[in-house]
Protein backbone atom coordinates (compact mmCIF):
# COMPACT_ATOMS: atom_id res chain seq x y z
CA MET A 1 -12.32 -10.91 15.23
CA VAL A 2 -14.95 -11.49 12.76
CA GLY A 3 -14.98 -12.48 9.24
CA LEU A 4 -12.85 -14.24 6.34
CA TRP A 5 -9.57 -12.06 7.54
CA GLN A 6 -10.50 -12.29 11.51
CA LEU A 7 -9.84 -8.88 11.93
CA ALA A 8 -10.62 -6.87 15.08
CA SER A 9 -12.79 -4.16 15.27
CA PRO A 10 -10.41 -1.56 15.51
CA THR A 11 -8.30 -2.38 13.08
CA GLY A 12 -10.52 -2.84 10.67
CA SER A 13 -12.03 0.61 11.15
CA ARG A 14 -8.32 1.91 10.78
CA PHE A 15 -8.31 0.48 7.35
CA GLY A 16 -11.85 1.61 5.99
CA LEU A 17 -14.35 -0.54 7.00
CA ASP A 18 -18.00 0.43 8.40
CA ILE A 19 -18.32 -1.47 11.67
CA ASP A 20 -21.45 -0.07 14.18
CA ASP A 21 -24.75 -1.77 15.30
CA GLU A 22 -26.29 -2.42 11.80
CA ILE A 23 -22.93 -3.08 9.12
CA ASP A 24 -19.96 -5.03 9.87
CA GLU A 25 -17.78 -4.94 6.63
CA ARG A 26 -15.77 -7.31 8.18
CA LEU A 27 -18.05 -10.17 7.09
CA ASP A 28 -18.13 -8.80 3.08
CA PRO A 29 -15.36 -10.63 1.44
CA GLN A 30 -14.40 -8.05 -0.72
CA ARG A 31 -14.01 -5.07 1.02
CA SER A 32 -12.63 -6.97 4.04
CA THR A 33 -9.76 -8.42 1.88
CA GLN A 34 -9.12 -5.06 0.73
CA ALA A 35 -8.76 -3.66 4.37
CA ALA A 36 -6.10 -7.06 5.19
CA ALA A 37 -4.24 -5.88 1.72
CA ARG A 38 -3.61 -2.88 3.20
CA TYR A 39 -2.85 -3.89 6.73
CA LEU A 40 -0.51 -6.59 5.65
CA HIS A 41 1.18 -3.27 3.36
CA LEU A 42 1.81 -1.50 6.40
CA LEU A 43 2.91 -4.21 8.28
CA TYR A 44 5.39 -5.08 5.71
CA ARG A 45 6.54 -1.47 5.37
CA ARG A 46 7.27 -1.68 8.93
CA PHE A 47 8.93 -4.84 9.80
CA ARG A 48 10.37 -5.77 6.46
CA SER A 49 10.05 -9.30 7.00
CA TRP A 50 7.23 -11.54 6.22
CA THR A 51 7.89 -13.41 9.30
CA LEU A 52 7.40 -10.91 11.40
CA VAL A 53 4.30 -9.63 9.39
CA ALA A 54 2.58 -12.72 9.47
CA ALA A 55 3.22 -12.57 13.73
CA ALA A 56 2.50 -9.26 13.47
CA TYR A 57 -0.92 -9.86 11.99
CA ASN A 58 -1.65 -12.63 14.70
CA VAL A 59 -0.30 -11.55 17.95
CA GLY A 60 -0.82 -7.27 17.15
CA GLU A 61 1.83 -4.99 16.18
CA ASN A 62 2.22 -3.49 19.20
CA ARG A 63 2.97 -6.32 21.41
CA LEU A 64 5.29 -7.93 18.49
CA LEU A 65 7.29 -4.18 19.12
CA ARG A 66 7.87 -5.01 22.23
CA ALA A 67 9.03 -8.39 22.18
CA ILE A 68 11.41 -7.21 19.18
CA HIS A 69 12.43 -4.32 22.23
CA ALA A 70 13.19 -6.99 24.61
CA GLY A 71 14.94 -8.96 22.92
CA HIS A 72 17.08 -7.04 20.72
CA THR A 73 16.36 -8.61 17.83
CA HIS A 74 14.08 -8.35 14.56
CA ASP A 75 14.43 -12.27 13.94
CA PHE A 76 11.20 -14.05 14.43
CA TRP A 77 12.83 -17.22 14.94
CA SER A 78 14.94 -15.84 17.75
CA LEU A 79 12.23 -14.45 19.75
CA ALA A 80 10.03 -17.45 19.50
CA ARG A 81 12.96 -19.67 20.97
CA ARG A 82 13.46 -16.90 23.88
CA GLY A 83 9.76 -16.87 24.55
CA LEU A 84 9.11 -13.43 23.72
CA ILE A 85 5.82 -14.04 21.67
CA PRO A 86 3.20 -16.18 22.63
CA ILE A 87 3.11 -20.01 22.19
CA GLU A 88 -0.08 -19.27 19.72
CA THR A 89 1.97 -16.96 17.45
CA GLN A 90 5.09 -19.32 17.45
CA ARG A 91 2.87 -22.14 16.06
CA PHE A 92 1.13 -20.08 13.73
CA VAL A 93 4.02 -18.42 11.58
CA PRO A 94 5.59 -21.80 10.66
CA GLN A 95 1.74 -22.78 9.97
CA PHE A 96 1.37 -19.84 7.55
CA LEU A 97 4.79 -20.63 5.90
CA ALA A 98 3.80 -24.66 5.48
CA ALA A 99 0.47 -23.44 3.94
CA VAL A 100 2.03 -21.04 1.85
CA VAL A 101 5.19 -23.40 0.39
CA LEU A 102 1.94 -26.19 -0.36
CA GLY A 103 0.47 -23.31 -2.13
CA GLU A 104 2.89 -22.11 -4.39
CA ASN A 105 3.93 -26.10 -5.17
CA LEU A 106 0.43 -27.73 -6.01
CA ASP A 107 2.19 -30.03 -8.17
CA TYR A 108 5.00 -31.19 -6.36
CA TYR A 109 2.54 -32.21 -3.33
CA HIS A 110 0.12 -33.78 -5.61
CA LEU A 111 -2.61 -31.14 -4.57
CA GLU A 112 -5.82 -29.77 -6.37
CA ILE A 113 -8.04 -26.46 -5.27
CA SER A 114 -11.79 -27.41 -5.93
CA GLU A 115 -14.06 -24.26 -5.89
CA PRO A 116 -16.12 -24.22 -3.28
CA ASP A 117 -19.88 -25.07 -3.54
CA SER A 118 -21.67 -22.17 -4.64
CA PRO A 119 -24.10 -20.81 -1.97
CA ASP A 120 -26.94 -22.08 -4.08
CA GLU A 121 -25.71 -25.78 -4.21
CA GLY A 122 -25.44 -26.20 -0.36
């Protein structure tokens, strides 16, 4: 897993990134963001649930599909309660949702987003 979006090499290649011995576009913020957006779009079309999209992004879509099949449910919380998905994913999804809530309610939580230092300011 490499880059801002922590894309695996096969996923990056699948969504149009050049990855070889000389170049790894997973490290390019613009190209990797475009690839991640295409991947998230595909995941949403497949799962129709943002909690399942976040879970699939974390654990992999095939492993999530196996859990859904084993659990006979498309409910993330049920899959998590029954231990059908890894603990890392069980923790990742609520943390991700909490970050979304915070990001959408900066004023309410008295939060500010600061601009990152430019590379020249180091």
